[in-house]
């Protein structure tokens, strides 16, 4: 009986640790320079192309913007839609998961 309680406690601790790690991971991404500004801009305009986003973020390099967009996409916070053609047309928008953050982003903006 004691063994099964230890296993249960261990599983509960593992789940809590996993949840804590996921929160830390997301803060690691959101805490990077430009990440919140990228999300804020996407929140305002719904769909934005790369160069339009770059113009709205004064001082960001193309490389850094590309890195932030990739990181946010990997975390499931934004989605990227590619339209075939020459040149390629790429649009970025918030995922439904991130739309829940919009109130927080708006509050941060007011603050």
PDB file of N, CA and C in Angstrom:
ATOM      1  N   UNK A   1       0.815  -1.187   0.000  1.00  0.00           N
ATOM      2  CA  UNK A   1       0.000   0.000   0.000  1.00  0.00           C
ATOM      3  C   UNK A   1       0.864   1.259   0.000  1.00  0.00           C
ATOM      4  N   UNK A   2       1.892   1.255   0.773  1.00  0.00           N
ATOM      5  CA  UNK A   2       2.783   2.404   0.832  1.00  0.00           C
ATOM      6  C   UNK A   2       3.490   2.619  -0.505  1.00  0.00           C
ATOM      7  N   UNK A   3       3.808   1.546  -1.186  1.00  0.00           N
ATOM      8  CA  UNK A   3       4.477   1.636  -2.483  1.00  0.00           C
ATOM      9  C   UNK A   3       3.584   2.353  -3.489  1.00  0.00           C
ATOM     10  N   UNK A   4       2.310   2.007  -3.541  1.00  0.00           N
ATOM     11  CA  UNK A   4       1.418   2.641  -4.511  1.00  0.00           C
ATOM     12  C   UNK A   4       1.252   4.124  -4.203  1.00  0.00           C
ATOM     13  N   UNK A   5       1.251   4.508  -2.926  1.00  0.00           N
ATOM     14  CA  UNK A   5       1.180   5.928  -2.583  1.00  0.00           C
ATOM     15  C   UNK A   5       2.424   6.657  -3.052  1.00  0.00           C
ATOM     16  N   UNK A   6       3.580   6.018  -2.907  1.00  0.00           N
ATOM     17  CA  UNK A   6       4.819   6.641  -3.367  1.00  0.00           C
ATOM     18  C   UNK A   6       4.800   6.831  -4.876  1.00  0.00           C
ATOM     19  N   UNK A   7       4.284   5.835  -5.603  1.00  0.00           N
ATOM     20  CA  UNK A   7       4.189   5.956  -7.058  1.00  0.00           C
ATOM     21  C   UNK A   7       3.233   7.081  -7.428  1.00  0.00           C
ATOM     22  N   UNK A   8       2.101   7.162  -6.723  1.00  0.00           N
ATOM     23  CA  UNK A   8       1.129   8.211  -7.002  1.00  0.00           C
ATOM     24  C   UNK A   8       1.742   9.582  -6.731  1.00  0.00           C
ATOM     25  N   UNK A   9       2.411   9.711  -5.594  1.00  0.00           N
ATOM     26  CA  UNK A   9       3.047  10.977  -5.258  1.00  0.00           C
ATOM     27  C   UNK A   9       4.097  11.341  -6.297  1.00  0.00           C
ATOM     28  N   UNK A  10       4.839  10.343  -6.743  1.00  0.00           N
ATOM     29  CA  UNK A  10       5.873  10.578  -7.743  1.00  0.00           C
ATOM     30  C   UNK A  10       5.253  11.044  -9.056  1.00  0.00           C
ATOM     31  N   UNK A  11       4.134  10.421  -9.456  1.00  0.00           N
ATOM     32  CA  UNK A  11       3.457  10.827 -10.690  1.00  0.00           C
ATOM     33  C   UNK A  11       2.904  12.242 -10.561  1.00  0.00           C
ATOM     34  N   UNK A  12       2.335  12.553  -9.413  1.00  0.00           N
ATOM     35  CA  UNK A  12       1.801  13.905  -9.187  1.00  0.00           C
ATOM     36  C   UNK A  12       2.915  14.940  -9.240  1.00  0.00           C
ATOM     37  N   UNK A  13       4.039  14.610  -8.625  1.00  0.00           N
ATOM     38  CA  UNK A  13       5.174  15.521  -8.642  1.00  0.00           C
ATOM     39  C   UNK A  13       5.704  15.710 -10.057  1.00  0.00           C
ATOM     40  N   UNK A  14       5.745  14.623 -10.830  1.00  0.00           N
ATOM     41  CA  UNK A  14       6.213  14.714 -12.219  1.00  0.00           C
ATOM     42  C   UNK A  14       5.306  15.610 -13.052  1.00  0.00           C
ATOM     43  N   UNK A  15       3.974  15.470 -12.876  1.00  0.00           N
ATOM     44  CA  UNK A  15       3.037  16.301 -13.623  1.00  0.00           C
ATOM     45  C   UNK A  15       3.186  17.764 -13.240  1.00  0.00           C
ATOM     46  N   UNK A  16       3.355  18.014 -11.960  1.00  0.00           N
ATOM     47  CA  UNK A  16       3.537  19.391 -11.496  1.00  0.00           C
ATOM     48  C   UNK A  16       4.826  19.976 -12.059  1.00  0.00           C
ATOM     49  N   UNK A  17       5.875  19.175 -12.079  1.00  0.00           N
ATOM     50  CA  UNK A  17       7.158  19.628 -12.613  1.00  0.00           C
ATOM     51  C   UNK A  17       7.056  19.899 -14.115  1.00  0.00           C
ATOM     52  N   UNK A  18       6.339  19.029 -14.851  1.00  0.00           N
ATOM     53  CA  UNK A  18       6.157  19.235 -16.285  1.00  0.00           C
ATOM     54  C   UNK A  18       5.397  20.529 -16.552  1.00  0.00           C
ATOM     55  N   UNK A  19       4.336  20.779 -15.774  1.00  0.00           N
ATOM     56  CA  UNK A  19       3.557  22.004 -15.942  1.00  0.00           C
ATOM     57  C   UNK A  19       4.427  23.228 -15.656  1.00  0.00           C
ATOM     58  N   UNK A  20       5.240  23.138 -14.600  1.00  0.00           N
ATOM     59  CA  UNK A  20       6.131  24.247 -14.248  1.00  0.00           C
ATOM     60  C   UNK A  20       7.147  24.486 -15.362  1.00  0.00           C
ATOM     61  N   UNK A  21       7.678  23.425 -15.937  1.00  0.00           N
ATOM     62  CA  UNK A  21       8.651  23.549 -17.029  1.00  0.00           C
ATOM     63  C   UNK A  21       8.013  24.204 -18.251  1.00  0.00           C
ATOM     64  N   UNK A  22       6.760  23.840 -18.559  1.00  0.00           N
ATOM     65  CA  UNK A  22       6.085  24.437 -19.707  1.00  0.00           C
ATOM     66  C   UNK A  22       5.886  25.935 -19.498  1.00  0.00           C
ATOM     67  N   UNK A  23       5.553  26.322 -18.258  1.00  0.00           N
ATOM     68  CA  UNK A  23       5.374  27.737 -17.957  1.00  0.00           C
ATOM     69  C   UNK A  23       6.705  28.464 -18.097  1.00  0.00           C
ATOM     70  N   UNK A  24       7.766  27.855 -17.590  1.00  0.00           N
ATOM     71  CA  UNK A  24       9.088  28.468 -17.709  1.00  0.00           C
ATOM     72  C   UNK A  24       9.507  28.575 -19.169  1.00  0.00           C
ATOM     73  N   UNK A  25       9.196  27.546 -19.970  1.00  0.00           N
ATOM     74  CA  UNK A  25       9.532  27.570 -21.390  1.00  0.00           C
ATOM     75  C   UNK A  25       8.840  28.728 -22.102  1.00  0.00           C
ATOM     76  N   UNK A  26       7.552  28.930 -21.806  1.00  0.00           N
ATOM     77  CA  UNK A  26       6.817  29.988 -22.490  1.00  0.00           C
ATOM     78  C   UNK A  26       7.335  31.354 -22.057  1.00  0.00           C
ATOM     79  N   UNK A  27       7.711  31.503 -20.781  1.00  0.00           N
ATOM     80  CA  UNK A  27       8.275  32.775 -20.330  1.00  0.00           C
ATOM     81  C   UNK A  27       9.636  33.013 -20.946  1.00  0.00           C
ATOM     82  N   UNK A  28      10.350  31.935 -21.203  1.00  0.00           N
ATOM     83  CA  UNK A  28      11.648  32.060 -21.870  1.00  0.00           C
ATOM     84  C   UNK A  28      11.462  32.667 -23.254  1.00  0.00           C
ATOM     85  N   UNK A  29      10.429  32.245 -23.953  1.00  0.00           N
ATOM     86  CA  UNK A  29      10.150  32.765 -25.300  1.00  0.00           C
ATOM     87  C   UNK A  29       9.576  34.179 -25.220  1.00  0.00           C
ATOM     88  N   UNK A  30       8.577  34.388 -24.364  1.00  0.00           N
ATOM     89  CA  UNK A  30       7.944  35.701 -24.264  1.00  0.00           C
ATOM     90  C   UNK A  30       8.872  36.753 -23.681  1.00  0.00           C
ATOM     91  N   UNK A  31       9.852  36.322 -22.902  1.00  0.00           N
ATOM     92  CA  UNK A  31      10.781  37.249 -22.283  1.00  0.00           C
ATOM     93  C   UNK A  31      11.869  37.749 -23.206  1.00  0.00           C
ATOM     94  N   UNK A  32      11.966  37.161 -24.375  1.00  0.00           N
ATOM     95  CA  UNK A  32      12.978  37.620 -25.330  1.00  0.00           C
ATOM     96  C   UNK A  32      12.563  38.954 -25.928  1.00  0.00           C
ATOM     97  N   UNK A  33      13.567  39.750 -26.209  1.00  0.00           N
ATOM     98  CA  UNK A  33      13.300  41.059 -26.792  1.00  0.00           C
ATOM     99  C   UNK A  33      12.498  40.920 -28.076  1.00  0.00           C
ATOM    100  N   UNK A  34      11.498  41.734 -28.250  1.00  0.00           N
ATOM    101  CA  UNK A  34      10.629  41.844 -29.413  1.00  0.00           C
ATOM    102  C   UNK A  34       9.447  40.882 -29.408  1.00  0.00           C
ATOM    103  N   UNK A  35       9.500  39.806 -28.656  1.00  0.00           N
ATOM    104  CA  UNK A  35       8.422  38.806 -28.713  1.00  0.00           C
ATOM    105  C   UNK A  35       7.059  39.390 -28.399  1.00  0.00           C
ATOM    106  N   UNK A  36       6.944  40.121 -27.296  1.00  0.00           N
ATOM    107  CA  UNK A  36       5.653  40.699 -26.921  1.00  0.00           C
ATOM    108  C   UNK A  36       5.211  41.763 -27.923  1.00  0.00           C
ATOM    109  N   UNK A  37       6.165  42.506 -28.473  1.00  0.00           N
ATOM    110  CA  UNK A  37       5.799  43.518 -29.474  1.00  0.00           C
ATOM    111  C   UNK A  37       5.296  42.871 -30.761  1.00  0.00           C
ATOM    112  N   UNK A  38       5.882  41.752 -31.128  1.00  0.00           N
ATOM    113  CA  UNK A  38       5.401  41.013 -32.304  1.00  0.00           C
ATOM    114  C   UNK A  38       3.969  40.562 -32.061  1.00  0.00           C
ATOM    115  N   UNK A  39       3.709  39.975 -30.891  1.00  0.00           N
ATOM    116  CA  UNK A  39       2.353  39.507 -30.562  1.00  0.00           C
ATOM    117  C   UNK A  39       1.374  40.674 -30.508  1.00  0.00           C
ATOM    118  N   UNK A  40       1.802  41.791 -29.939  1.00  0.00           N
ATOM    119  CA  UNK A  40       0.930  42.968 -29.856  1.00  0.00           C
ATOM    120  C   UNK A  40       0.540  43.443 -31.256  1.00  0.00           C
ATOM    121  N   UNK A  41       1.515  43.513 -32.160  1.00  0.00           N
ATOM    122  CA  UNK A  41       1.229  43.945 -33.533  1.00  0.00           C
ATOM    123  C   UNK A  41       0.297  42.983 -34.249  1.00  0.00           C
ATOM    124  N   UNK A  42       0.489  41.707 -34.039  1.00  0.00           N
ATOM    125  CA  UNK A  42      -0.402  40.717 -34.655  1.00  0.00           C
ATOM    126  C   UNK A  42      -1.797  40.811 -34.051  1.00  0.00           C
ATOM    127  N   UNK A  43      -1.875  41.162 -32.795  1.00  0.00           N
ATOM    128  CA  UNK A  43      -3.154  41.308 -32.120  1.00  0.00           C
ATOM    129  C   UNK A  43      -3.950  42.475 -32.706  1.00  0.00           C
ATOM    130  N   UNK A  44      -3.249  43.533 -33.047  1.00  0.00           N
ATOM    131  CA  UNK A  44      -3.901  44.740 -33.571  1.00  0.00           C
ATOM    132  C   UNK A  44      -4.374  44.537 -35.010  1.00  0.00           C
ATOM    133  N   UNK A  45      -3.543  43.901 -35.830  1.00  0.00           N
ATOM    134  CA  UNK A  45      -3.819  43.822 -37.270  1.00  0.00           C
ATOM    135  C   UNK A  45      -4.370  42.487 -37.738  1.00  0.00           C
ATOM    136  N   UNK A  46      -4.434  41.491 -36.887  1.00  0.00           N
ATOM    137  CA  UNK A  46      -4.933  40.144 -37.199  1.00  0.00           C
ATOM    138  C   UNK A  46      -4.020  39.359 -38.138  1.00  0.00           C
ATOM    139  N   UNK A  47      -3.738  39.883 -39.326  1.00  0.00           N
ATOM    140  CA  UNK A  47      -2.861  39.204 -40.284  1.00  0.00           C
ATOM    141  C   UNK A  47      -1.827  40.210 -40.773  1.00  0.00           C
ATOM    142  N   UNK A  48      -0.559  39.820 -40.703  1.00  0.00           N
ATOM    143  CA  UNK A  48       0.512  40.740 -41.072  1.00  0.00           C
ATOM    144  C   UNK A  48       1.558  39.998 -41.899  1.00  0.00           C
ATOM    145  N   UNK A  49       2.067  40.670 -42.923  1.00  0.00           N
ATOM    146  CA  UNK A  49       3.170  40.124 -43.706  1.00  0.00           C
ATOM    147  C   UNK A  49       4.482  40.548 -43.069  1.00  0.00           C
ATOM    148  N   UNK A  50       5.552  39.817 -43.386  1.00  0.00           N
ATOM    149  CA  UNK A  50       6.855  40.008 -42.752  1.00  0.00           C
ATOM    150  C   UNK A  50       7.330  41.458 -42.818  1.00  0.00           C
ATOM    151  N   UNK A  51       7.384  42.027 -44.024  1.00  0.00           N
ATOM    152  CA  UNK A  51       7.925  43.383 -44.180  1.00  0.00           C
ATOM    153  C   UNK A  51       7.057  44.434 -43.501  1.00  0.00           C
ATOM    154  N   UNK A  52       5.754  44.217 -43.498  1.00  0.00           N
ATOM    155  CA  UNK A  52       4.858  45.140 -42.797  1.00  0.00           C
ATOM    156  C   UNK A  52       5.136  45.100 -41.289  1.00  0.00           C
ATOM    157  N   UNK A  53       5.343  43.896 -40.775  1.00  0.00           N
ATOM    158  CA  UNK A  53       5.667  43.731 -39.359  1.00  0.00           C
ATOM    159  C   UNK A  53       7.017  44.379 -39.049  1.00  0.00           C
ATOM    160  N   UNK A  54       7.983  44.178 -39.922  1.00  0.00           N
ATOM    161  CA  UNK A  54       9.316  44.758 -39.728  1.00  0.00           C
ATOM    162  C   UNK A  54       9.252  46.286 -39.703  1.00  0.00           C
ATOM    163  N   UNK A  55       8.453  46.869 -40.578  1.00  0.00           N
ATOM    164  CA  UNK A  55       8.305  48.329 -40.603  1.00  0.00           C
ATOM    165  C   UNK A  55       7.668  48.856 -39.316  1.00  0.00           C
ATOM    166  N   UNK A  56       6.773  48.082 -38.734  1.00  0.00           N
ATOM    167  CA  UNK A  56       6.082  48.545 -37.524  1.00  0.00           C
ATOM    168  C   UNK A  56       6.939  48.394 -36.267  1.00  0.00           C
ATOM    169  N   UNK A  57       8.031  47.625 -36.353  1.00  0.00           N
ATOM    170  CA  UNK A  57       8.932  47.415 -35.218  1.00  0.00           C
ATOM    171  C   UNK A  57      10.254  48.117 -35.507  1.00  0.00           C
ATOM    172  N   UNK A  58      10.304  49.380 -35.204  1.00  0.00           N
ATOM    173  CA  UNK A  58      11.495  50.186 -35.490  1.00  0.00           C
ATOM    174  C   UNK A  58      12.713  49.623 -34.757  1.00  0.00           C
ATOM    175  N   UNK A  59      13.791  49.375 -35.513  1.00  0.00           N
ATOM    176  CA  UNK A  59      15.045  48.940 -34.916  1.00  0.00           C
ATOM    177  C   UNK A  59      15.286  47.440 -34.908  1.00  0.00           C
ATOM    178  N   UNK A  60      14.317  46.644 -35.319  1.00  0.00           N
ATOM    179  CA  UNK A  60      14.518  45.190 -35.339  1.00  0.00           C
ATOM    180  C   UNK A  60      15.155  44.788 -36.676  1.00  0.00           C
ATOM    181  N   UNK A  61      16.089  43.863 -36.610  1.00  0.00           N
ATOM    182  CA  UNK A  61      16.706  43.375 -37.847  1.00  0.00           C
ATOM    183  C   UNK A  61      15.849  42.249 -38.430  1.00  0.00           C
ATOM    184  N   UNK A  62      16.031  41.988 -39.700  1.00  0.00           N
ATOM    185  CA  UNK A  62      15.291  40.904 -40.359  1.00  0.00           C
ATOM    186  C   UNK A  62      15.612  39.558 -39.719  1.00  0.00           C
ATOM    187  N   UNK A  63      16.863  39.368 -39.339  1.00  0.00           N
ATOM    188  CA  UNK A  63      17.283  38.102 -38.724  1.00  0.00           C
ATOM    189  C   UNK A  63      16.598  37.884 -37.388  1.00  0.00           C
ATOM    190  N   UNK A  64      16.581  38.913 -36.554  1.00  0.00           N
ATOM    191  CA  UNK A  64      15.952  38.791 -35.235  1.00  0.00           C
ATOM    192  C   UNK A  64      14.450  38.585 -35.386  1.00  0.00           C
ATOM    193  N   UNK A  65      13.826  39.333 -36.292  1.00  0.00           N
ATOM    194  CA  UNK A  65      12.388  39.161 -36.515  1.00  0.00           C
ATOM    195  C   UNK A  65      12.083  37.747 -36.980  1.00  0.00           C
ATOM    196  N   UNK A  66      12.873  37.254 -37.895  1.00  0.00           N
ATOM    197  CA  UNK A  66      12.688  35.889 -38.389  1.00  0.00           C
ATOM    198  C   UNK A  66      12.832  34.870 -37.252  1.00  0.00           C
ATOM    199  N   UNK A  67      13.831  35.072 -36.391  1.00  0.00           N
ATOM    200  CA  UNK A  67      14.041  34.175 -35.244  1.00  0.00           C
ATOM    201  C   UNK A  67      12.849  34.210 -34.295  1.00  0.00           C
ATOM    202  N   UNK A  68      12.362  35.425 -33.978  1.00  0.00           N
ATOM    203  CA  UNK A  68      11.234  35.536 -33.044  1.00  0.00           C
ATOM    204  C   UNK A  68       9.981  34.900 -33.623  1.00  0.00           C
ATOM    205  N   UNK A  69       9.745  35.122 -34.906  1.00  0.00           N
ATOM    206  CA  UNK A  69       8.569  34.523 -35.543  1.00  0.00           C
ATOM    207  C   UNK A  69       8.657  33.001 -35.517  1.00  0.00           C
ATOM    208  N   UNK A  70       9.828  32.460 -35.776  1.00  0.00           N
ATOM    209  CA  UNK A  70      10.023  31.004 -35.739  1.00  0.00           C
ATOM    210  C   UNK A  70       9.785  30.457 -34.335  1.00  0.00           C
ATOM    211  N   UNK A  71      10.324  31.133 -33.320  1.00  0.00           N
ATOM    212  CA  UNK A  71      10.150  30.686 -31.939  1.00  0.00           C
ATOM    213  C   UNK A  71       8.682  30.728 -31.526  1.00  0.00           C
ATOM    214  N   UNK A  72       8.003  31.815 -31.875  1.00  0.00           N
ATOM    215  CA  UNK A  72       6.594  31.945 -31.519  1.00  0.00           C
ATOM    216  C   UNK A  72       5.743  30.908 -32.248  1.00  0.00           C
ATOM    217  N   UNK A  73       6.130  30.610 -33.486  1.00  0.00           N
ATOM    218  CA  UNK A  73       5.413  29.580 -34.245  1.00  0.00           C
ATOM    219  C   UNK A  73       5.642  28.201 -33.622  1.00  0.00           C
ATOM    220  N   UNK A  74       6.869  27.898 -33.235  1.00  0.00           N
ATOM    221  CA  UNK A  74       7.183  26.607 -32.607  1.00  0.00           C
ATOM    222  C   UNK A  74       6.425  26.417 -31.295  1.00  0.00           C
ATOM    223  N   UNK A  75       6.180  27.502 -30.572  1.00  0.00           N
ATOM    224  CA  UNK A  75       5.446  27.433 -29.309  1.00  0.00           C
ATOM    225  C   UNK A  75       3.935  27.398 -29.524  1.00  0.00           C
ATOM    226  N   UNK A  76       3.510  27.521 -30.776  1.00  0.00           N
ATOM    227  CA  UNK A  76       2.077  27.477 -31.077  1.00  0.00           C
ATOM    228  C   UNK A  76       1.363  28.783 -30.790  1.00  0.00           C
ATOM    229  N   UNK A  77       2.108  29.888 -30.722  1.00  0.00           N
ATOM    230  CA  UNK A  77       1.503  31.184 -30.417  1.00  0.00           C
ATOM    231  C   UNK A  77       1.090  31.947 -31.664  1.00  0.00           C
ATOM    232  N   UNK A  78       1.754  31.672 -32.779  1.00  0.00           N
ATOM    233  CA  UNK A  78       1.375  32.283 -34.048  1.00  0.00           C
ATOM    234  C   UNK A  78       1.345  31.205 -35.123  1.00  0.00           C
ATOM    235  N   UNK A  79       0.655  31.533 -36.196  1.00  0.00           N
ATOM    236  CA  UNK A  79       0.658  30.608 -37.340  1.00  0.00           C
ATOM    237  C   UNK A  79       1.142  31.350 -38.572  1.00  0.00           C
ATOM    238  N   UNK A  80       1.745  30.599 -39.426  1.00  0.00           N
ATOM    239  CA  UNK A  80       2.353  31.128 -40.645  1.00  0.00           C
ATOM    240  C   UNK A  80       1.633  30.500 -41.828  1.00  0.00           C
ATOM    241  N   UNK A  81       1.175  31.331 -42.747  1.00  0.00           N
ATOM    242  CA  UNK A  81       0.501  30.829 -43.939  1.00  0.00           C
ATOM    243  C   UNK A  81       1.291  31.289 -45.154  1.00  0.00           C
ATOM    244  N   UNK A  82       1.673  30.319 -45.969  1.00  0.00           N
ATOM    245  CA  UNK A  82       2.477  30.598 -47.162  1.00  0.00           C
ATOM    246  C   UNK A  82       1.609  30.433 -48.401  1.00  0.00           C
ATOM    247  N   UNK A  83       1.595  31.467 -49.236  1.00  0.00           N
ATOM    248  CA  UNK A  83       0.885  31.417 -50.502  1.00  0.00           C
ATOM    249  C   UNK A  83       1.904  31.233 -51.614  1.00  0.00           C
ATOM    250  N   UNK A  84       1.728  30.205 -52.434  1.00  0.00           N
ATOM    251  CA  UNK A  84       2.702  29.974 -53.506  1.00  0.00           C
ATOM    252  C   UNK A  84       2.635  31.088 -54.547  1.00  0.00           C
ATOM    253  N   UNK A  85       3.724  31.297 -55.171  1.00  0.00           N
ATOM    254  CA  UNK A  85       3.815  32.321 -56.211  1.00  0.00           C
ATOM    255  C   UNK A  85       5.203  32.908 -56.206  1.00  0.00           C
ATOM    256  N   UNK A  86       5.426  33.813 -57.133  1.00  0.00           N
ATOM    257  CA  UNK A  86       6.722  34.478 -57.197  1.00  0.00           C
ATOM    258  C   UNK A  86       6.463  35.969 -57.083  1.00  0.00           C
ATOM    259  N   UNK A  87       6.903  36.619 -56.046  1.00  0.00           N
ATOM    260  CA  UNK A  87       7.559  36.052 -54.865  1.00  0.00           C
ATOM    261  C   UNK A  87       6.529  35.386 -53.944  1.00  0.00           C
ATOM    262  N   UNK A  88       7.032  34.564 -53.035  1.00  0.00           N
ATOM    263  CA  UNK A  88       6.154  33.924 -52.063  1.00  0.00           C
ATOM    264  C   UNK A  88       5.484  34.981 -51.197  1.00  0.00           C
ATOM    265  N   UNK A  89       4.250  34.728 -50.850  1.00  0.00           N
ATOM    266  CA  UNK A  89       3.531  35.621 -49.942  1.00  0.00           C
ATOM    267  C   UNK A  89       3.362  34.863 -48.627  1.00  0.00           C
ATOM    268  N   UNK A  90       3.861  35.448 -47.529  1.00  0.00           N
ATOM    269  CA  UNK A  90       3.794  34.810 -46.221  1.00  0.00           C
ATOM    270  C   UNK A  90       3.062  35.740 -45.269  1.00  0.00           C
ATOM    271  N   UNK A  91       2.056  35.197 -44.587  1.00  0.00           N
ATOM    272  CA  UNK A  91       1.291  35.970 -43.620  1.00  0.00           C
ATOM    273  C   UNK A  91       1.381  35.312 -42.254  1.00  0.00           C
ATOM    274  N   UNK A  92       1.396  36.142 -41.217  1.00  0.00           N
ATOM    275  CA  UNK A  92       1.454  35.674 -39.837  1.00  0.00           C
ATOM    276  C   UNK A  92       0.212  36.156 -39.103  1.00  0.00           C
ATOM    277  N   UNK A  93      -0.296  35.295 -38.231  1.00  0.00           N
ATOM    278  CA  UNK A  93      -1.448  35.666 -37.413  1.00  0.00           C
ATOM    279  C   UNK A  93      -1.381  34.917 -36.088  1.00  0.00           C
ATOM    280  N   UNK A  94      -2.190  35.382 -35.138  1.00  0.00           N
ATOM    281  CA  UNK A  94      -2.247  34.717 -33.839  1.00  0.00           C
ATOM    282  C   UNK A  94      -3.031  33.424 -33.949  1.00  0.00           C
ATOM    283  N   UNK A  95      -2.666  32.448 -33.151  1.00  0.00           N
ATOM    284  CA  UNK A  95      -3.456  31.216 -33.059  1.00  0.00           C
ATOM    285  C   UNK A  95      -4.612  31.472 -32.100  1.00  0.00           C
ATOM    286  N   UNK A  96      -5.587  30.594 -32.103  1.00  0.00           N
ATOM    287  CA  UNK A  96      -6.712  30.748 -31.171  1.00  0.00           C
ATOM    288  C   UNK A  96      -6.226  30.678 -29.731  1.00  0.00           C
ATOM    289  N   UNK A  97      -5.195  29.891 -29.496  1.00  0.00           N
ATOM    290  CA  UNK A  97      -4.590  29.784 -28.164  1.00  0.00           C
ATOM    291  C   UNK A  97      -4.074  31.156 -27.701  1.00  0.00           C
ATOM    292  N   UNK A  98      -3.472  31.895 -28.589  1.00  0.00           N
ATOM    293  CA  UNK A  98      -2.885  33.181 -28.246  1.00  0.00           C
ATOM    294  C   UNK A  98      -3.934  34.274 -28.165  1.00  0.00           C
ATOM    295  N   UNK A  99      -5.037  34.106 -28.857  1.00  0.00           N
ATOM    296  CA  UNK A  99      -6.094  35.116 -28.786  1.00  0.00           C
ATOM    297  C   UNK A  99      -6.583  35.277 -27.352  1.00  0.00           C
ATOM    298  N   UNK A 100      -6.439  34.226 -26.542  1.00  0.00           N
ATOM    299  CA  UNK A 100      -6.784  34.321 -25.124  1.00  0.00           C
ATOM    300  C   UNK A 100      -5.867  35.298 -24.397  1.00  0.00           C
ATOM    301  N   UNK A 101      -4.683  35.518 -24.930  1.00  0.00           N
ATOM    302  CA  UNK A 101      -3.728  36.457 -24.330  1.00  0.00           C
ATOM    303  C   UNK A 101      -3.987  37.910 -24.724  1.00  0.00           C
ATOM    304  N   UNK A 102      -4.883  38.125 -25.660  1.00  0.00           N
ATOM    305  CA  UNK A 102      -5.083  39.480 -26.177  1.00  0.00           C
ATOM    306  C   UNK A 102      -5.443  40.486 -25.088  1.00  0.00           C
ATOM    307  N   UNK A 103      -6.305  40.099 -24.164  1.00  0.00           N
ATOM    308  CA  UNK A 103      -6.665  41.006 -23.067  1.00  0.00           C
ATOM    309  C   UNK A 103      -5.444  41.390 -22.249  1.00  0.00           C
ATOM    310  N   UNK A 104      -4.605  40.405 -21.993  1.00  0.00           N
ATOM    311  CA  UNK A 104      -3.382  40.666 -21.236  1.00  0.00           C
ATOM    312  C   UNK A 104      -2.460  41.593 -22.020  1.00  0.00           C
ATOM    313  N   UNK A 105      -2.325  41.334 -23.316  1.00  0.00           N
ATOM    314  CA  UNK A 105      -1.479  42.188 -24.158  1.00  0.00           C
ATOM    315  C   UNK A 105      -2.011  43.619 -24.200  1.00  0.00           C
ATOM    316  N   UNK A 106      -3.324  43.749 -24.305  1.00  0.00           N
ATOM    317  CA  UNK A 106      -3.939  45.080 -24.329  1.00  0.00           C
ATOM    318  C   UNK A 106      -3.725  45.798 -22.995  1.00  0.00           C
ATOM    319  N   UNK A 107      -3.839  45.061 -21.894  1.00  0.00           N
ATOM    320  CA  UNK A 107      -3.606  45.644 -20.575  1.00  0.00           C
ATOM    321  C   UNK A 107      -2.165  46.088 -20.421  1.00  0.00           C
ATOM    322  N   UNK A 108      -1.237  45.255 -20.895  1.00  0.00           N
ATOM    323  CA  UNK A 108       0.179  45.633 -20.858  1.00  0.00           C
ATOM    324  C   UNK A 108       0.430  46.883 -21.685  1.00  0.00           C
ATOM    325  N   UNK A 109      -0.213  46.973 -22.826  1.00  0.00           N
ATOM    326  CA  UNK A 109      -0.056  48.130 -23.703  1.00  0.00           C
ATOM    327  C   UNK A 109      -0.539  49.400 -23.010  1.00  0.00           C
ATOM    328  N   UNK A 110      -1.680  49.330 -22.320  1.00  0.00           N
ATOM    329  CA  UNK A 110      -2.199  50.486 -21.598  1.00  0.00           C
ATOM    330  C   UNK A 110      -1.300  50.869 -20.443  1.00  0.00           C
ATOM    331  N   UNK A 111      -0.750  49.851 -19.770  1.00  0.00           N
ATOM    332  CA  UNK A 111       0.120  50.084 -18.624  1.00  0.00           C
ATOM    333  C   UNK A 111       1.373  50.795 -19.052  1.00  0.00           C
TER     334      UNK A 111
END
